[in-house]
C-alpha atoms as a PDB file:
ATOM      1  CA  MET A   1     133.161 153.437 141.723  1.00  0.00           C
ATOM      2  CA  ILE A   2     131.260 150.354 142.782  1.00  0.00           C
ATOM      3  CA  GLY A   3     133.459 147.739 144.374  1.00  0.00           C
ATOM      4  CA  ARG A   4     133.923 144.296 142.912  1.00  0.00           C
ATOM      5  CA  GLU A   5     132.028 142.751 145.846  1.00  0.00           C
ATOM      6  CA  GLN A   6     129.023 144.993 145.199  1.00  0.00           C
ATOM      7  CA  GLN A   7     129.162 144.278 141.484  1.00  0.00           C
ATOM      8  CA  GLY A   8     129.127 140.572 142.236  1.00  0.00           C
ATOM      9  CA  LYS A   9     126.059 140.981 144.450  1.00  0.00           C
ATOM     10  CA  ASN A  10     124.283 142.905 141.685  1.00  0.00           C
ATOM     11  CA  VAL A  11     125.013 140.158 139.185  1.00  0.00           C
ATOM     12  CA  ILE A  12     123.601 137.551 141.562  1.00  0.00           C
ATOM     13  CA  VAL A  13     120.440 139.616 142.143  1.00  0.00           C
ATOM     14  CA  ARG A  14     119.907 140.130 138.416  1.00  0.00           C
ATOM     15  CA  ALA A  15     120.470 136.467 137.688  1.00  0.00           C
ATOM     16  CA  THR A  16     117.982 135.503 140.393  1.00  0.00           C
ATOM     17  CA  LEU A  17     115.349 137.917 139.073  1.00  0.00           C
ATOM     18  CA  LEU A  18     115.859 136.618 135.541  1.00  0.00           C
ATOM     19  CA  LEU A  19     115.428 133.043 136.785  1.00  0.00           C
ATOM     20  CA  PHE A  20     112.162 133.939 138.523  1.00  0.00           C
ATOM     21  CA  ILE A  21     110.896 135.702 135.389  1.00  0.00           C
ATOM     22  CA  ILE A  22     111.720 132.664 133.212  1.00  0.00           C
ATOM     23  CA  MET A  23     110.110 130.276 135.704  1.00  0.00           C
ATOM     24  CA  GLY A  24     107.017 132.487 135.926  1.00  0.00           C
ATOM     25  CA  PHE A  25     106.717 132.688 132.153  1.00  0.00           C
ATOM     26  CA  PHE A  26     106.792 128.914 131.704  1.00  0.00           C
ATOM     27  CA  SER A  27     104.408 128.422 134.610  1.00  0.00           C
ATOM     28  CA  MET A  28     101.951 130.828 132.955  1.00  0.00           C
ATOM     29  CA  MET A  29     102.294 129.090 129.595  1.00  0.00           C
ATOM     30  CA  ALA A  30     101.666 125.720 131.213  1.00  0.00           C
ATOM     31  CA  TYR A  31      98.497 127.085 132.830  1.00  0.00           C
ATOM     32  CA  LEU A  32      97.226 128.563 129.586  1.00  0.00           C
ATOM     33  CA  HIS A  33      97.866 125.336 127.716  1.00  0.00           C
ATOM     34  CA  THR A  34      96.021 123.341 130.334  1.00  0.00           C
ATOM     35  CA  TYR A  35      93.102 125.799 130.302  1.00  0.00           C
ATOM     36  CA  ASN A  36      92.714 126.008 126.530  1.00  0.00           C
ATOM     37  CA  THR A  37      93.201 122.376 125.530  1.00  0.00           C
ATOM     38  CA  PRO A  38      91.823 120.087 128.245  1.00  0.00           C
ATOM     39  CA  ALA A  39      90.421 117.625 125.695  1.00  0.00           C
ATOM     40  CA  GLN A  40      90.064 114.767 128.165  1.00  0.00           C
ATOM     41  CA  LEU A  41      88.229 116.964 130.631  1.00  0.00           C
ATOM     42  CA  LEU A  42      85.916 118.462 128.046  1.00  0.00           C
ATOM     43  CA  HIS A  43      85.250 115.310 126.007  1.00  0.00           C
ATOM     44  CA  LEU A  44      85.735 117.310 122.835  1.00  0.00           C
ATOM     45  CA  PRO A  45      84.136 117.962 120.468  1.00  0.00           C
ATOM     46  CA  ILE A  46      80.960 119.083 122.213  1.00  0.00           C
ATOM     47  CA  VAL A  47      77.758 120.618 120.854  1.00  0.00           C
ATOM     48  CA  ILE A  48      74.523 121.798 122.457  1.00  0.00           C
ATOM     49  CA  ASN A  49      71.414 123.233 120.833  1.00  0.00           C
ATOM     50  CA  THR A  50      67.914 124.340 121.726  1.00  0.00           C
ATOM     51  CA  TRP A  51      64.797 122.182 121.466  1.00  0.00           C
ATOM     52  CA  THR A  52      64.528 118.537 120.350  1.00  0.00           C
ATOM     53  CA  PHE A  53      66.341 118.972 117.038  1.00  0.00           C
ATOM     54  CA  ILE A  54      68.623 116.004 117.693  1.00  0.00           C
ATOM     55  CA  ASN A  55      69.491 115.277 114.061  1.00  0.00           C
ATOM     56  CA  ALA A  56      70.967 118.758 113.808  1.00  0.00           C
ATOM     57  CA  THR A  57      73.051 117.939 116.894  1.00  0.00           C
ATOM     58  CA  ARG A  58      74.295 114.732 115.297  1.00  0.00           C
ATOM     59  CA  VAL A  59      75.225 116.457 112.042  1.00  0.00           C
ATOM     60  CA  ALA A  60      77.120 119.200 113.882  1.00  0.00           C
ATOM     61  CA  TYR A  61      78.980 116.675 116.033  1.00  0.00           C
ATOM     62  CA  ARG A  62      79.912 114.383 113.132  1.00  0.00           C
ATOM     63  CA  THR A  63      81.128 117.350 111.117  1.00  0.00           C
ATOM     64  CA  MET A  64      83.516 118.311 113.909  1.00  0.00           C
ATOM     65  CA  GLN A  65      84.503 114.740 114.722  1.00  0.00           C
ATOM     66  CA  SER A  66      85.534 114.161 111.111  1.00  0.00           C
ATOM     67  CA  GLY A  67      87.782 117.231 111.159  1.00  0.00           C
ATOM     68  CA  GLY A  68      85.382 119.735 109.656  1.00  0.00           C
ATOM     69  CA  VAL A  69      85.327 121.220 106.178  1.00  0.00           C
ATOM     70  CA  THR A  70      87.665 124.155 106.873  1.00  0.00           C
ATOM     71  CA  GLU A  71      90.143 125.126 109.580  1.00  0.00           C
ATOM     72  CA  ARG A  72      87.229 126.597 111.516  1.00  0.00           C
ATOM     73  CA  ILE A  73      85.966 123.210 112.656  1.00  0.00           C
ATOM     74  CA  ALA A  74      83.473 124.372 115.322  1.00  0.00           C
ATOM     75  CA  LEU A  75      81.999 126.877 112.863  1.00  0.00           C
ATOM     76  CA  ASP A  76      81.645 124.124 110.263  1.00  0.00           C
ATOM     77  CA  GLY A  77      79.705 122.116 112.837  1.00  0.00           C
ATOM     78  CA  ILE A  78      77.406 125.033 113.590  1.00  0.00           C
ATOM     79  CA  GLU A  79      76.736 125.713 109.913  1.00  0.00           C
ATOM     80  CA  LYS A  80      76.102 122.102 108.910  1.00  0.00           C
ATOM     81  CA  GLY A  81      73.982 121.409 111.976  1.00  0.00           C
ATOM     82  CA  CYS A  82      71.714 124.383 111.387  1.00  0.00           C
ATOM     83  CA  ASN A  83      71.667 123.626 107.655  1.00  0.00           C
ATOM     84  CA  TRP A  84      70.000 120.335 108.511  1.00  0.00           C
ATOM     85  CA  CYS A  85      67.071 122.123 110.149  1.00  0.00           C
ATOM     86  CA  GLU A  86      66.896 124.636 107.308  1.00  0.00           C
ATOM     87  CA  ALA A  87      66.581 121.762 104.831  1.00  0.00           C
ATOM     88  CA  HIS A  88      64.196 119.675 106.995  1.00  0.00           C
ATOM     89  CA  PRO A  89      61.852 122.200 108.663  1.00  0.00           C
ATOM     90  CA  ASP A  90      59.232 119.493 109.267  1.00  0.00           C
ATOM     91  CA  HIS A  91      61.691 117.919 111.729  1.00  0.00           C
ATOM     92  CA  CYS A  92      62.364 121.244 113.456  1.00  0.00           C
ATOM     93  CA  ASP A  93      58.808 122.306 114.342  1.00  0.00           C
ATOM     94  CA  PHE A  94      58.627 124.472 111.187  1.00  0.00           C
ATOM     95  CA  THR A  95      60.321 127.233 113.214  1.00  0.00           C
ATOM     96  CA  VAL A  96      63.511 127.067 111.134  1.00  0.00           C
ATOM     97  CA  GLY A  97      63.850 127.356 107.389  1.00  0.00           C
ATOM     98  CA  TYR A  98      61.266 127.494 104.609  1.00  0.00           C
ATOM     99  CA  GLY A  99      57.593 126.625 104.936  1.00  0.00           C
ATOM    100  CA  GLY A 100      56.915 128.097 108.353  1.00  0.00           C
ATOM    101  CA  SER A 101      56.034 131.195 110.401  1.00  0.00           C
ATOM    102  CA  PRO A 102      54.427 133.367 107.688  1.00  0.00           C
ATOM    103  CA  ASN A 103      54.157 137.089 108.342  1.00  0.00           C
ATOM    104  CA  GLU A 104      51.039 139.229 107.872  1.00  0.00           C
ATOM    105  CA  TRP A 105      51.538 139.147 104.118  1.00  0.00           C
ATOM    106  CA  GLY A 106      51.851 135.359 104.083  1.00  0.00           C
ATOM    107  CA  GLN A 107      55.616 135.466 103.461  1.00  0.00           C
ATOM    108  CA  THR A 108      58.255 133.309 105.118  1.00  0.00           C
ATOM    109  CA  THR A 109      61.441 135.253 105.857  1.00  0.00           C
ATOM    110  CA  LEU A 110      64.643 134.107 107.542  1.00  0.00           C
ATOM    111  CA  ASP A 111      67.018 135.385 110.230  1.00  0.00           C
ATOM    112  CA  ALA A 112      70.412 133.851 111.036  1.00  0.00           C
ATOM    113  CA  MET A 113      73.814 134.593 112.529  1.00  0.00           C
ATOM    114  CA  VAL A 114      77.169 132.943 113.211  1.00  0.00           C
ATOM    115  CA  MET A 115      80.013 133.910 115.536  1.00  0.00           C
ATOM    116  CA  TRP A 116      83.608 132.646 115.586  1.00  0.00           C
ATOM    117  CA  GLY A 117      84.972 132.754 119.127  1.00  0.00           C
ATOM    118  CA  PRO A 118      88.741 133.072 118.443  1.00  0.00           C
ATOM    119  CA  THR A 119      88.348 136.400 116.618  1.00  0.00           C
ATOM    120  CA  ARG A 120      84.792 137.375 117.650  1.00  0.00           C
ATOM    121  CA  GLU A 121      83.865 137.822 114.014  1.00  0.00           C
ATOM    122  CA  VAL A 122      80.124 137.845 113.358  1.00  0.00           C
ATOM    123  CA  GLY A 123      77.965 137.532 110.267  1.00  0.00           C
ATOM    124  CA  ALA A 124      74.187 137.771 110.112  1.00  0.00           C
ATOM    125  CA  VAL A 125      71.164 138.168 107.862  1.00  0.00           C
ATOM    126  CA  GLY A 126      67.726 139.451 108.803  1.00  0.00           C
ATOM    127  CA  TYR A 127      64.345 139.397 107.059  1.00  0.00           C
ATOM    128  CA  MET A 128      65.978 137.570 104.155  1.00  0.00           C
ATOM    129  CA  LYS A 129      63.675 136.243 101.446  1.00  0.00           C
ATOM    130  CA  ARG A 130      63.858 133.464  98.867  1.00  0.00           C
ATOM    131  CA  VAL A 131      67.112 131.787  99.995  1.00  0.00           C
ATOM    132  CA  LYS A 132      66.937 128.643 102.124  1.00  0.00           C
ATOM    133  CA  PRO A 133      70.357 128.118 103.833  1.00  0.00           C
ATOM    134  CA  ALA A 134      70.267 131.344 105.833  1.00  0.00           C
ATOM    135  CA  ILE A 135      73.093 130.450 108.213  1.00  0.00           C
ATOM    136  CA  SER A 136      75.415 129.781 105.278  1.00  0.00           C
ATOM    137  CA  VAL A 137      74.638 133.226 103.903  1.00  0.00           C
ATOM    138  CA  ALA A 138      75.359 134.686 107.356  1.00  0.00           C
ATOM    139  CA  ARG A 139      78.756 132.986 107.286  1.00  0.00           C
ATOM    140  CA  LYS A 140      79.466 134.567 103.894  1.00  0.00           C
ATOM    141  CA  VAL A 141      78.658 137.980 105.371  1.00  0.00           C
ATOM    142  CA  MET A 142      81.255 137.285 108.077  1.00  0.00           C
ATOM    143  CA  GLU A 143      83.970 135.850 105.866  1.00  0.00           C
ATOM    144  CA  ARG A 144      83.528 137.857 102.653  1.00  0.00           C
ATOM    145  CA  THR A 145      82.635 141.360 103.932  1.00  0.00           C
ATOM    146  CA  TYR A 146      83.521 143.837 106.651  1.00  0.00           C
ATOM    147  CA  HIS A 147      79.845 144.086 107.625  1.00  0.00           C
ATOM    148  CA  THR A 148      78.062 142.306 110.448  1.00  0.00           C
ATOM    149  CA  ILE A 149      74.462 142.095 109.195  1.00  0.00           C
ATOM    150  CA  LEU A 150      72.586 142.435 105.905  1.00  0.00           C
ATOM    151  CA  VAL A 151      68.793 142.553 105.736  1.00  0.00           C
ATOM    152  CA  GLY A 152      65.787 142.281 103.442  1.00  0.00           C
ATOM    153  CA  ASP A 153      65.900 142.002  99.667  1.00  0.00           C
ATOM    154  CA  GLU A 154      69.472 143.289  99.686  1.00  0.00           C
ATOM    155  CA  ALA A 155      70.506 140.271 101.788  1.00  0.00           C
ATOM    156  CA  THR A 156      68.886 138.101  99.126  1.00  0.00           C
ATOM    157  CA  THR A 157      70.791 139.936  96.389  1.00  0.00           C
ATOM    158  CA  PHE A 158      74.032 139.361  98.279  1.00  0.00           C
ATOM    159  CA  ALA A 159      73.227 135.659  98.691  1.00  0.00           C
ATOM    160  CA  VAL A 160      72.605 135.237  94.967  1.00  0.00           C
ATOM    161  CA  GLU A 161      75.895 137.003  94.226  1.00  0.00           C
ATOM    162  CA  MET A 162      77.573 134.476  96.532  1.00  0.00           C
ATOM    163  CA  GLY A 163      76.140 131.636  94.450  1.00  0.00           C
ATOM    164  CA  PHE A 164      73.067 130.667  96.477  1.00  0.00           C
ATOM    165  CA  GLU A 165      69.879 129.683  94.672  1.00  0.00           C
ATOM    166  CA  GLU A 166      66.873 131.982  94.834  1.00  0.00           C
ATOM    167  CA  GLU A 167      63.666 130.005  95.428  1.00  0.00           C
ATOM    168  CA  ASP A 168      60.251 130.327  97.049  1.00  0.00           C
ATOM    169  CA  LEU A 169      60.190 129.852 100.833  1.00  0.00           C
ATOM    170  CA  ASN A 170      56.412 129.525 100.967  1.00  0.00           C
ATOM    171  CA  THR A 171      54.587 126.201 100.720  1.00  0.00           C
ATOM    172  CA  THR A 172      51.001 124.964 100.509  1.00  0.00           C
ATOM    173  CA  ARG A 173      51.165 124.660 104.302  1.00  0.00           C
ATOM    174  CA  THR A 174      51.985 128.343 104.845  1.00  0.00           C
ATOM    175  CA  ALA A 175      49.413 129.390 102.254  1.00  0.00           C
ATOM    176  CA  GLU A 176      46.698 127.452 104.078  1.00  0.00           C
ATOM    177  CA  MET A 177      47.802 128.869 107.452  1.00  0.00           C
ATOM    178  CA  TRP A 178      47.572 132.379 106.027  1.00  0.00           C
ATOM    179  CA  ARG A 179      44.077 131.851 104.577  1.00  0.00           C
ATOM    180  CA  GLU A 180      42.822 130.516 107.911  1.00  0.00           C
ATOM    181  CA  TRP A 181      44.391 133.432 109.790  1.00  0.00           C
ATOM    182  CA  LYS A 182      42.737 136.001 107.520  1.00  0.00           C
ATOM    183  CA  ALA A 183      39.394 134.212 107.851  1.00  0.00           C
ATOM    184  CA  ALA A 184      39.751 134.449 111.643  1.00  0.00           C
ATOM    185  CA  GLY A 185      39.969 138.255 111.462  1.00  0.00           C
ATOM    186  CA  ARG A 186      43.772 138.454 111.215  1.00  0.00           C
ATOM    187  CA  LYS A 187      44.153 137.542 114.865  1.00  0.00           C
ATOM    188  CA  PRO A 188      46.300 136.998 116.832  1.00  0.00           C
ATOM    189  CA  ASN A 189      48.743 139.647 115.666  1.00  0.00           C
ATOM    190  CA  PHE A 190      51.520 141.896 116.928  1.00  0.00           C
ATOM    191  CA  TRP A 191      49.649 145.209 116.898  1.00  0.00           C
ATOM    192  CA  LYS A 192      48.993 146.671 120.336  1.00  0.00           C
ATOM    193  CA  GLY A 193      45.777 148.195 119.061  1.00  0.00           C
ATOM    194  CA  PRO A 194      44.010 148.789 115.724  1.00  0.00           C
ATOM    195  CA  HIS A 195      46.846 148.905 113.196  1.00  0.00           C
ATOM    196  CA  ASN A 196      45.285 151.835 111.326  1.00  0.00           C
ATOM    197  CA  SER A 197      45.147 153.972 114.475  1.00  0.00           C
ATOM    198  CA  THR A 198      47.216 157.158 114.533  1.00  0.00           C
ATOM    199  CA  GLN A 199      47.098 157.569 118.312  1.00  0.00           C
ATOM    200  CA  GLY A 200      50.332 157.672 120.302  1.00  0.00           C
ATOM    201  CA  VAL A 201      50.415 155.047 123.046  1.00  0.00           C
ATOM    202  CA  THR A 202      47.779 152.305 122.940  1.00  0.00           C
ATOM    203  CA  LYS A 203      45.819 152.125 126.179  1.00  0.00           C
ATOM    204  CA  ARG A 204      46.136 148.809 128.008  1.00  0.00           C
ATOM    205  CA  LYS A 205      42.407 148.058 127.875  1.00  0.00           C
ATOM    206  CA  GLU A 206      42.500 148.473 124.091  1.00  0.00           C
ATOM    207  CA  MET A 207      45.513 146.223 123.535  1.00  0.00           C
ATOM    208  CA  ASN A 208      45.275 143.109 121.421  1.00  0.00           C
ATOM    209  CA  GLU A 209      46.525 139.755 122.664  1.00  0.00           C
ATOM    210  CA  LYS A 210      49.749 138.925 120.881  1.00  0.00           C
ATOM    211  CA  PRO A 211      50.482 135.370 119.663  1.00  0.00           C
ATOM    212  CA  GLU A 212      51.723 132.931 122.289  1.00  0.00           C
ATOM    213  CA  PHE A 213      55.302 131.727 122.131  1.00  0.00           C
ATOM    214  CA  GLY A 214      56.173 128.111 122.804  1.00  0.00           C
ATOM    215  CA  ARG A 215      57.450 125.020 121.037  1.00  0.00           C
ATOM    216  CA  TRP A 216      55.402 125.722 117.906  1.00  0.00           C
ATOM    217  CA  ASN A 217      56.013 129.458 117.723  1.00  0.00           C
ATOM    218  CA  HIS A 218      59.427 130.648 118.753  1.00  0.00           C
ATOM    219  CA  ASP A 219      62.569 132.045 117.241  1.00  0.00           C
ATOM    220  CA  THR A 220      65.305 129.617 116.619  1.00  0.00           C
ATOM    221  CA  ILE A 221      67.590 126.735 116.642  1.00  0.00           C
ATOM    222  CA  GLY A 222      70.428 128.120 118.738  1.00  0.00           C
ATOM    223  CA  MET A 223      73.664 126.122 118.837  1.00  0.00           C
ATOM    224  CA  VAL A 224      77.047 126.329 120.602  1.00  0.00           C
ATOM    225  CA  ALA A 225      80.030 124.111 119.748  1.00  0.00           C
ATOM    226  CA  ILE A 226      83.593 123.568 120.961  1.00  0.00           C
ATOM    227  CA  ASP A 227      85.876 121.643 118.605  1.00  0.00           C
ATOM    228  CA  GLN A 228      88.861 119.390 119.277  1.00  0.00           C
ATOM    229  CA  GLN A 229      91.198 122.384 119.278  1.00  0.00           C
ATOM    230  CA  GLY A 230      89.179 124.106 121.994  1.00  0.00           C
ATOM    231  CA  ASN A 231      87.778 126.754 119.657  1.00  0.00           C
ATOM    232  CA  VAL A 232      84.235 127.983 120.299  1.00  0.00           C
ATOM    233  CA  ALA A 233      81.561 128.929 117.761  1.00  0.00           C
ATOM    234  CA  CYS A 234      77.860 129.627 117.960  1.00  0.00           C
ATOM    235  CA  GLY A 235      74.995 130.245 115.595  1.00  0.00           C
ATOM    236  CA  VAL A 236      71.281 130.694 115.172  1.00  0.00           C
ATOM    237  CA  SER A 237      68.749 130.128 112.400  1.00  0.00           C
ATOM    238  CA  SER A 238      65.065 131.020 112.504  1.00  0.00           C
ATOM    239  CA  ASN A 239      62.041 131.936 110.433  1.00  0.00           C
ATOM    240  CA  GLY A 240      60.875 134.222 113.224  1.00  0.00           C
ATOM    241  CA  ALA A 241      57.515 134.750 114.842  1.00  0.00           C
ATOM    242  CA  THR A 242      54.295 133.675 113.113  1.00  0.00           C
ATOM    243  CA  TRP A 243      52.104 136.637 111.999  1.00  0.00           C
ATOM    244  CA  LYS A 244      54.905 139.162 112.559  1.00  0.00           C
ATOM    245  CA  ILE A 245      54.513 142.598 111.028  1.00  0.00           C
ATOM    246  CA  PRO A 246      56.397 142.697 107.681  1.00  0.00           C
ATOM    247  CA  GLY A 247      59.884 144.085 108.149  1.00  0.00           C
ATOM    248  CA  ARG A 248      60.316 142.640 111.632  1.00  0.00           C
ATOM    249  CA  VAL A 249      63.772 141.273 112.488  1.00  0.00           C
ATOM    250  CA  GLY A 250      63.888 138.997 115.510  1.00  0.00           C
ATOM    251  CA  ASP A 251      66.511 138.236 118.118  1.00  0.00           C
ATOM    252  CA  ALA A 252      68.138 135.415 116.139  1.00  0.00           C
ATOM    253  CA  PRO A 253      70.531 137.546 114.038  1.00  0.00           C
ATOM    254  CA  ILE A 254      71.367 139.988 116.839  1.00  0.00           C
ATOM    255  CA  VAL A 255      74.794 139.187 118.275  1.00  0.00           C
ATOM    256  CA  GLY A 256      74.625 138.892 122.050  1.00  0.00           C
ATOM    257  CA  SER A 257      70.941 138.065 121.906  1.00  0.00           C
ATOM    258  CA  GLY A 258      70.380 135.017 119.687  1.00  0.00           C
ATOM    259  CA  ALA A 259      73.828 133.688 120.557  1.00  0.00           C
ATOM    260  CA  TYR A 260      77.243 134.804 121.771  1.00  0.00           C
ATOM    261  CA  CYS A 261      80.612 133.167 122.452  1.00  0.00           C
ATOM    262  CA  GLU A 262      84.139 133.953 123.575  1.00  0.00           C
ATOM    263  CA  ASN A 263      86.985 131.523 123.019  1.00  0.00           C
ATOM    264  CA  GLU A 264      88.340 131.913 126.540  1.00  0.00           C
ATOM    265  CA  VAL A 265      84.972 131.387 128.222  1.00  0.00           C
ATOM    266  CA  GLY A 266      82.375 129.400 126.225  1.00  0.00           C
ATOM    267  CA  GLY A 267      79.075 130.312 124.643  1.00  0.00           C
ATOM    268  CA  ALA A 268      75.327 130.683 125.051  1.00  0.00           C
ATOM    269  CA  ALA A 269      72.199 130.752 122.889  1.00  0.00           C
ATOM    270  CA  GLU A 270      68.570 131.585 123.574  1.00  0.00           C
ATOM    271  CA  THR A 271      65.124 130.964 122.138  1.00  0.00           C
ATOM    272  CA  GLY A 272      61.588 132.215 122.714  1.00  0.00           C
ATOM    273  CA  ASP A 273      59.864 135.581 122.533  1.00  0.00           C
ATOM    274  CA  GLY A 274      62.569 137.309 120.557  1.00  0.00           C
ATOM    275  CA  ASP A 275      61.107 140.810 120.755  1.00  0.00           C
ATOM    276  CA  VAL A 276      61.465 140.670 124.526  1.00  0.00           C
ATOM    277  CA  MET A 277      64.613 138.578 124.758  1.00  0.00           C
ATOM    278  CA  MET A 278      66.693 140.885 122.585  1.00  0.00           C
ATOM    279  CA  ARG A 279      66.078 143.767 124.984  1.00  0.00           C
ATOM    280  CA  PHE A 280      68.373 142.052 127.504  1.00  0.00           C
ATOM    281  CA  SER A 281      71.232 140.716 125.304  1.00  0.00           C
ATOM    282  CA  PRO A 282      70.854 137.496 127.296  1.00  0.00           C
ATOM    283  CA  SER A 283      73.447 135.338 125.549  1.00  0.00           C
ATOM    284  CA  ASN A 284      76.163 137.936 126.001  1.00  0.00           C
ATOM    285  CA  ARG A 285      75.149 138.491 129.600  1.00  0.00           C
ATOM    286  CA  VAL A 286      75.330 134.778 130.398  1.00  0.00           C
ATOM    287  CA  VAL A 287      78.816 134.526 128.869  1.00  0.00           C
ATOM    288  CA  GLN A 288      79.987 137.511 130.913  1.00  0.00           C
ATOM    289  CA  MET A 289      78.673 135.867 134.084  1.00  0.00           C
ATOM    290  CA  MET A 290      80.539 132.679 133.194  1.00  0.00           C
ATOM    291  CA  LYS A 291      83.654 134.759 132.586  1.00  0.00           C
ATOM    292  CA  GLY A 292      83.324 135.934 136.180  1.00  0.00           C
ATOM    293  CA  GLY A 293      83.406 132.312 137.359  1.00  0.00           C
ATOM    294  CA  MET A 294      79.701 131.526 137.525  1.00  0.00           C
ATOM    295  CA  HIS A 295      78.487 128.037 136.573  1.00  0.00           C
ATOM    296  CA  PRO A 296      76.495 128.016 133.293  1.00  0.00           C
ATOM    297  CA  LYS A 297      73.365 126.798 135.064  1.00  0.00           C
ATOM    298  CA  GLU A 298      73.413 129.615 137.591  1.00  0.00           C
ATOM    299  CA  ALA A 299      74.170 132.185 134.881  1.00  0.00           C
ATOM    300  CA  CYS A 300      71.176 131.035 132.811  1.00  0.00           C
ATOM    301  CA  GLU A 301      68.920 131.050 135.858  1.00  0.00           C
ATOM    302  CA  ARG A 302      69.958 134.567 136.855  1.00  0.00           C
ATOM    303  CA  MET A 303      69.282 135.831 133.352  1.00  0.00           C
ATOM    304  CA  VAL A 304      65.807 134.305 133.336  1.00  0.00           C
ATOM    305  CA  VAL A 305      65.007 135.864 136.708  1.00  0.00           C
ATOM    306  CA  GLU A 306      65.987 139.305 135.416  1.00  0.00           C
ATOM    307  CA  ILE A 307      63.838 139.018 132.288  1.00  0.00           C
ATOM    308  CA  LEU A 308      60.832 137.869 134.320  1.00  0.00           C
ATOM    309  CA  ARG A 309      61.210 140.843 136.639  1.00  0.00           C
ATOM    310  CA  TYR A 310      60.231 143.134 133.762  1.00  0.00           C
ATOM    311  CA  TYR A 311      58.214 140.748 131.567  1.00  0.00           C
ATOM    312  CA  PRO A 312      56.581 138.149 133.837  1.00  0.00           C
ATOM    313  CA  ASN A 313      54.696 136.541 130.928  1.00  0.00           C
ATOM    314  CA  CYS A 314      57.699 136.157 128.648  1.00  0.00           C
ATOM    315  CA  SER A 315      58.386 132.607 127.495  1.00  0.00           C
ATOM    316  CA  GLY A 316      61.772 131.344 126.396  1.00  0.00           C
ATOM    317  CA  ALA A 317      64.954 129.565 127.389  1.00  0.00           C
ATOM    318  CA  ILE A 318      68.740 129.919 127.483  1.00  0.00           C
ATOM    319  CA  ILE A 319      71.470 127.278 127.115  1.00  0.00           C
ATOM    320  CA  ALA A 320      75.189 127.628 127.820  1.00  0.00           C
ATOM    321  CA  VAL A 321      78.443 125.657 127.916  1.00  0.00           C
ATOM    322  CA  ASN A 322      81.762 126.817 129.363  1.00  0.00           C
ATOM    323  CA  LYS A 323      85.333 125.848 128.489  1.00  0.00           C
ATOM    324  CA  GLN A 324      85.341 123.246 131.254  1.00  0.00           C
ATOM    325  CA  GLY A 325      82.511 121.439 129.469  1.00  0.00           C
ATOM    326  CA  GLN A 326      79.925 122.352 132.101  1.00  0.00           C
ATOM    327  CA  ILE A 327      76.377 122.740 130.746  1.00  0.00           C
ATOM    328  CA  GLY A 328      73.550 124.954 131.938  1.00  0.00           C
ATOM    329  CA  ALA A 329      70.015 125.782 130.884  1.00  0.00           C
ATOM    330  CA  ALA A 330      67.003 127.644 132.247  1.00  0.00           C
ATOM    331  CA  TYR A 331      63.532 128.453 130.949  1.00  0.00           C
ATOM    332  CA  MET A 332      60.440 130.504 131.691  1.00  0.00           C
ATOM    333  CA  ASN A 333      56.711 130.028 131.086  1.00  0.00           C
ATOM    334  CA  LEU A 334      56.968 126.804 129.083  1.00  0.00           C
ATOM    335  CA  PRO A 335      54.322 124.488 130.604  1.00  0.00           C
ATOM    336  CA  ASN A 336      56.009 121.254 129.495  1.00  0.00           C
ATOM    337  CA  GLY A 337      59.515 122.312 130.445  1.00  0.00           C
ATOM    338  CA  PHE A 338      62.348 122.920 128.023  1.00  0.00           C
ATOM    339  CA  PRO A 339      64.242 120.315 125.984  1.00  0.00           C
ATOM    340  CA  PHE A 340      67.718 120.781 124.563  1.00  0.00           C
ATOM    341  CA  CYS A 341      70.224 118.480 122.873  1.00  0.00           C
ATOM    342  CA  LEU A 342      73.789 117.548 123.791  1.00  0.00           C
ATOM    343  CA  GLN A 343      76.559 115.415 122.337  1.00  0.00           C
ATOM    344  CA  ASN A 344      80.229 115.050 123.235  1.00  0.00           C
ATOM    345  CA  SER A 345      82.976 112.449 122.734  1.00  0.00           C
ATOM    346  CA  ASN A 346      82.035 110.678 125.959  1.00  0.00           C
ATOM    347  CA  MET A 347      78.571 109.829 124.567  1.00  0.00           C
ATOM    348  CA  LYS A 348      77.642 107.095 122.082  1.00  0.00           C
ATOM    349  CA  ASP A 349      74.931 109.287 120.603  1.00  0.00           C
ATOM    350  CA  ALA A 350      73.305 112.669 121.024  1.00  0.00           C
ATOM    351  CA  ALA A 351      70.746 112.995 123.805  1.00  0.00           C
ATOM    352  CA  ILE A 352      67.675 115.129 124.476  1.00  0.00           C
ATOM    353  CA  ILE A 353      67.661 116.595 127.972  1.00  0.00           C
ATOM    354  CA  THR A 354      64.443 118.098 129.324  1.00  0.00           C
ATOM    355  CA  ILE A 355      64.460 120.399 132.328  1.00  0.00           C
ATOM    356  CA  LYS A 356      61.288 120.911 134.367  1.00  0.00           C
ATOM    357  CA  ASP A 357      60.358 122.659 137.569  1.00  0.00           C
END
């Protein structure tokens, strides 16, 4: 039998342990609340995107600032912002949406993806034809199916079933580009050697020069947003590389490459030579480095250094934002530097920021 004195001591010990557990629980909850909803620190909402597509930035920001269209406010911002470029390709270097980047057959095809940070749901379309708002179709893939990506004519069929209009993505501009390219001997192109060759590996001295990537030939508007509730979303829309081989899907719709986000960390997006970039899953890698405590700028720079180690002529860029509202960007082999856009609640208007060596 345990004496009354010992029983009393046990009660005191248990009560003390319970008190510490309760105090620890509320301390943890206070920390999590502070980490997830520091609106004054973050100046929420916040949106960043690649290149000088500032009107897309403004549309995304205003969509979030007004409370969005659905409960997924950051995702609404991503969709509406990229929709702007898809509808106004002449304001987005003709690298997004219809009327740009024809393939070898003279066709314009679209790639896009969206990701919702709280659940890590993803939807994407690749090599989609004859439907203009590609990122909206990608969102339907995410929210209406259990799939992650649909491609080709079947992606178009799905889009039409979802109520999207089927229409020609080619214009007089792309038709003229294609005629000039054929007249120039179908060069540059993405074949390493003669495309009718049956040999195994093309010898270096026989390799063709592939098209250059830069402001006027790249994959993507890439965008990352954090809404007033601290939720993170990201997305990408692109018409891919000019003179690509038919059937090619770029980096834009590949989760972890074109863009990636986690609600507890932040997000990243990239642009450039998609065939090379996707081999490194750069957006995912940058987010994982930020998760380990690295500043977005340093994470982007480290990713660029790694890509250049294997592909020293690769051109492209990466942008990132973490949950503290810190921004980072890095680029490679872009002679005029790399511009990206930013807007948050501490700014009167969106701004274009250009980084240079």
